[in-house]
N, C-alpha and C. Protein backbone atom coordinates (compact mmCIF):
# COMPACT_ATOMS: atom_id res chain seq x y z
N UNK A 1 -108.69 13.80 109.65
CA UNK A 1 -109.99 13.69 110.30
C UNK A 1 -110.96 14.69 109.66
N UNK A 2 -112.10 14.23 109.25
CA UNK A 2 -113.10 15.08 108.61
C UNK A 2 -113.85 15.89 109.66
N UNK A 3 -114.03 17.19 109.36
CA UNK A 3 -114.77 18.04 110.27
C UNK A 3 -116.27 17.95 110.02
N UNK A 4 -116.66 17.51 108.81
CA UNK A 4 -118.08 17.34 108.50
C UNK A 4 -118.92 18.55 108.86
N UNK A 5 -119.87 18.34 109.75
CA UNK A 5 -120.82 19.38 110.13
C UNK A 5 -120.36 20.18 111.35
N UNK A 6 -119.13 19.98 111.80
CA UNK A 6 -118.66 20.64 113.01
C UNK A 6 -118.73 22.17 112.94
N UNK A 7 -118.60 22.72 111.75
CA UNK A 7 -118.60 24.18 111.59
C UNK A 7 -119.97 24.72 111.19
N UNK A 8 -120.99 23.87 111.22
CA UNK A 8 -122.31 24.27 110.76
C UNK A 8 -123.38 23.98 111.81
N UNK A 9 -124.38 24.84 111.84
CA UNK A 9 -125.60 24.58 112.59
C UNK A 9 -126.65 24.16 111.58
N UNK A 10 -127.66 23.40 112.01
CA UNK A 10 -128.71 23.02 111.07
C UNK A 10 -129.45 24.25 110.55
N UNK A 11 -130.01 24.13 109.35
CA UNK A 11 -130.84 25.20 108.81
C UNK A 11 -132.00 25.43 109.78
N UNK A 12 -132.41 26.68 109.99
CA UNK A 12 -133.49 26.95 110.94
C UNK A 12 -134.75 26.15 110.67
N UNK A 13 -135.10 25.95 109.42
CA UNK A 13 -136.34 25.21 109.14
C UNK A 13 -136.22 23.77 109.61
N UNK A 14 -135.01 23.22 109.59
CA UNK A 14 -134.80 21.86 110.10
C UNK A 14 -134.97 21.82 111.62
N UNK A 15 -134.50 22.87 112.29
CA UNK A 15 -134.69 22.95 113.74
C UNK A 15 -136.17 23.05 114.06
N UNK A 16 -136.91 23.91 113.35
CA UNK A 16 -138.34 24.04 113.57
C UNK A 16 -139.05 22.72 113.32
N UNK A 17 -138.65 22.01 112.26
CA UNK A 17 -139.27 20.72 111.93
C UNK A 17 -139.06 19.73 113.08
N UNK A 18 -137.85 19.67 113.58
CA UNK A 18 -137.54 18.76 114.68
C UNK A 18 -138.36 19.09 115.92
N UNK A 19 -138.45 20.37 116.25
CA UNK A 19 -139.25 20.79 117.41
C UNK A 19 -140.73 20.47 117.20
N UNK A 20 -141.22 20.69 115.99
CA UNK A 20 -142.63 20.43 115.70
C UNK A 20 -142.94 18.94 115.84
N UNK A 21 -142.04 18.09 115.36
CA UNK A 21 -142.24 16.65 115.48
C UNK A 21 -142.27 16.24 116.95
N UNK A 22 -141.39 16.82 117.76
CA UNK A 22 -141.39 16.53 119.20
C UNK A 22 -142.73 16.92 119.83
N UNK A 23 -143.23 18.10 119.48
CA UNK A 23 -144.53 18.55 120.00
C UNK A 23 -145.66 17.65 119.53
N UNK A 24 -145.60 17.23 118.29
CA UNK A 24 -146.59 16.33 117.72
C UNK A 24 -146.66 15.05 118.54
N UNK A 25 -145.51 14.47 118.84
CA UNK A 25 -145.49 13.21 119.59
C UNK A 25 -145.99 13.39 121.03
N UNK A 26 -145.75 14.56 121.61
CA UNK A 26 -146.26 14.84 122.96
C UNK A 26 -147.78 14.87 122.99
N UNK A 27 -148.40 15.28 121.89
CA UNK A 27 -149.86 15.42 121.84
C UNK A 27 -150.58 14.14 121.44
N UNK A 28 -149.84 13.12 121.03
CA UNK A 28 -150.49 11.88 120.59
C UNK A 28 -151.08 11.14 121.78
N UNK A 29 -152.21 10.52 121.56
CA UNK A 29 -152.85 9.76 122.64
C UNK A 29 -152.34 8.32 122.66
N UNK A 30 -152.93 7.52 123.53
CA UNK A 30 -152.47 6.13 123.67
C UNK A 30 -152.70 5.28 122.42
N UNK A 31 -153.55 5.74 121.51
CA UNK A 31 -153.80 5.03 120.26
C UNK A 31 -152.98 5.60 119.10
N UNK A 32 -151.96 6.38 119.43
CA UNK A 32 -151.11 7.03 118.42
C UNK A 32 -151.92 7.90 117.48
N UNK A 33 -152.90 8.60 118.03
CA UNK A 33 -153.71 9.53 117.23
C UNK A 33 -153.57 10.93 117.82
N UNK A 34 -153.79 11.90 116.97
CA UNK A 34 -153.78 13.30 117.41
C UNK A 34 -155.00 13.97 116.81
N UNK A 35 -155.63 14.80 117.60
CA UNK A 35 -156.82 15.49 117.13
C UNK A 35 -156.48 16.68 116.25
N UNK A 36 -157.45 17.09 115.46
CA UNK A 36 -157.27 18.21 114.56
C UNK A 36 -156.94 19.50 115.27
N UNK A 37 -157.55 19.73 116.43
CA UNK A 37 -157.28 20.96 117.17
C UNK A 37 -155.84 20.98 117.66
N UNK A 38 -155.37 19.87 118.19
CA UNK A 38 -153.98 19.81 118.66
C UNK A 38 -153.00 20.00 117.52
N UNK A 39 -153.27 19.35 116.39
CA UNK A 39 -152.39 19.49 115.23
C UNK A 39 -152.38 20.94 114.74
N UNK A 40 -153.54 21.56 114.68
CA UNK A 40 -153.61 22.96 114.26
C UNK A 40 -152.83 23.85 115.23
N UNK A 41 -152.91 23.57 116.52
CA UNK A 41 -152.17 24.36 117.50
C UNK A 41 -150.66 24.24 117.30
N UNK A 42 -150.19 23.03 117.00
CA UNK A 42 -148.76 22.83 116.75
C UNK A 42 -148.33 23.61 115.51
N UNK A 43 -149.09 23.48 114.43
CA UNK A 43 -148.76 24.17 113.19
C UNK A 43 -148.77 25.69 113.39
N UNK A 44 -149.78 26.18 114.09
CA UNK A 44 -149.89 27.62 114.34
C UNK A 44 -148.71 28.12 115.17
N UNK A 45 -148.34 27.36 116.19
CA UNK A 45 -147.20 27.75 117.03
C UNK A 45 -145.95 27.93 116.18
N UNK A 46 -145.66 26.98 115.32
CA UNK A 46 -144.43 27.06 114.53
C UNK A 46 -144.54 28.06 113.39
N UNK A 47 -145.73 28.27 112.87
CA UNK A 47 -145.93 29.30 111.86
C UNK A 47 -145.60 30.66 112.47
N UNK A 48 -146.10 30.91 113.68
CA UNK A 48 -145.84 32.18 114.35
C UNK A 48 -144.35 32.32 114.69
N UNK A 49 -143.72 31.22 115.09
CA UNK A 49 -142.30 31.25 115.41
C UNK A 49 -141.49 31.62 114.18
N UNK A 50 -141.84 31.07 113.03
CA UNK A 50 -141.14 31.38 111.78
C UNK A 50 -141.38 32.84 111.38
N UNK A 51 -142.63 33.31 111.51
CA UNK A 51 -142.92 34.73 111.21
C UNK A 51 -142.01 35.64 112.03
N UNK A 52 -141.94 35.36 113.34
CA UNK A 52 -141.15 36.22 114.24
C UNK A 52 -139.66 36.10 113.98
N UNK A 53 -139.18 34.88 113.78
CA UNK A 53 -137.75 34.66 113.57
C UNK A 53 -137.25 35.36 112.32
N UNK A 54 -138.03 35.29 111.25
CA UNK A 54 -137.61 35.85 109.97
C UNK A 54 -138.27 37.18 109.64
N UNK A 55 -139.04 37.71 110.57
CA UNK A 55 -139.73 38.97 110.36
C UNK A 55 -140.54 38.94 109.06
N UNK A 56 -141.27 37.84 108.88
CA UNK A 56 -142.09 37.64 107.69
C UNK A 56 -143.49 38.20 107.97
N UNK A 57 -144.03 38.89 107.01
CA UNK A 57 -145.36 39.47 107.12
C UNK A 57 -146.42 38.38 106.98
N UNK A 58 -147.52 38.57 107.70
CA UNK A 58 -148.67 37.68 107.55
C UNK A 58 -149.71 38.29 106.63
N UNK A 59 -149.39 39.45 106.05
CA UNK A 59 -150.33 40.13 105.17
C UNK A 59 -150.53 39.34 103.88
N UNK A 60 -151.72 39.44 103.36
CA UNK A 60 -152.02 38.79 102.08
C UNK A 60 -151.18 39.43 100.98
N UNK A 61 -150.83 38.64 99.98
CA UNK A 61 -150.03 39.11 98.86
C UNK A 61 -150.94 39.27 97.65
N UNK A 62 -151.00 40.47 97.06
CA UNK A 62 -151.83 40.65 95.87
C UNK A 62 -151.44 39.66 94.77
N UNK A 63 -152.42 39.15 94.05
CA UNK A 63 -152.16 38.16 93.00
C UNK A 63 -151.19 38.68 91.95
N UNK A 64 -151.23 39.96 91.66
CA UNK A 64 -150.32 40.50 90.65
C UNK A 64 -148.86 40.36 91.11
N UNK A 65 -148.60 40.48 92.39
CA UNK A 65 -147.25 40.32 92.92
C UNK A 65 -146.85 38.86 92.88
N UNK A 66 -147.78 37.98 93.22
CA UNK A 66 -147.48 36.54 93.20
C UNK A 66 -147.09 36.09 91.80
N UNK A 67 -147.80 36.56 90.78
CA UNK A 67 -147.50 36.11 89.42
C UNK A 67 -146.14 36.61 88.98
N UNK A 68 -145.75 37.80 89.41
CA UNK A 68 -144.42 38.32 89.08
C UNK A 68 -143.35 37.46 89.75
N UNK A 69 -143.56 37.10 91.02
CA UNK A 69 -142.60 36.28 91.74
C UNK A 69 -142.49 34.91 91.09
N UNK A 70 -143.61 34.30 90.71
CA UNK A 70 -143.57 32.99 90.05
C UNK A 70 -142.82 33.07 88.73
N UNK A 71 -143.07 34.11 87.96
CA UNK A 71 -142.40 34.25 86.66
C UNK A 71 -140.90 34.46 86.83
N UNK A 72 -140.49 35.20 87.85
CA UNK A 72 -139.08 35.44 88.11
C UNK A 72 -138.39 34.16 88.53
N UNK A 73 -139.06 33.30 89.28
CA UNK A 73 -138.43 32.07 89.76
C UNK A 73 -138.29 31.03 88.67
N UNK A 74 -139.02 31.18 87.57
CA UNK A 74 -138.93 30.23 86.48
C UNK A 74 -137.80 30.56 85.51
N UNK A 75 -137.13 31.68 85.71
CA UNK A 75 -136.07 32.12 84.79
C UNK A 75 -134.83 31.27 84.93
């Protein structure tokens, strides 16, 4: 018998994606549309949740640091 995913939890970003989609559908109106403000609120909620969960800074990153990171990832 295969254990498959029995020993694993989904990646956190997958959990956040699933929760965000659920929130998105809750905000849709009877015409299956969602307003920009509601969509922004959903995105902001999950952005903040990810910041807090992973202790990620919201500070701007100097361009010189970004270019170093990009160059390192291309190696």
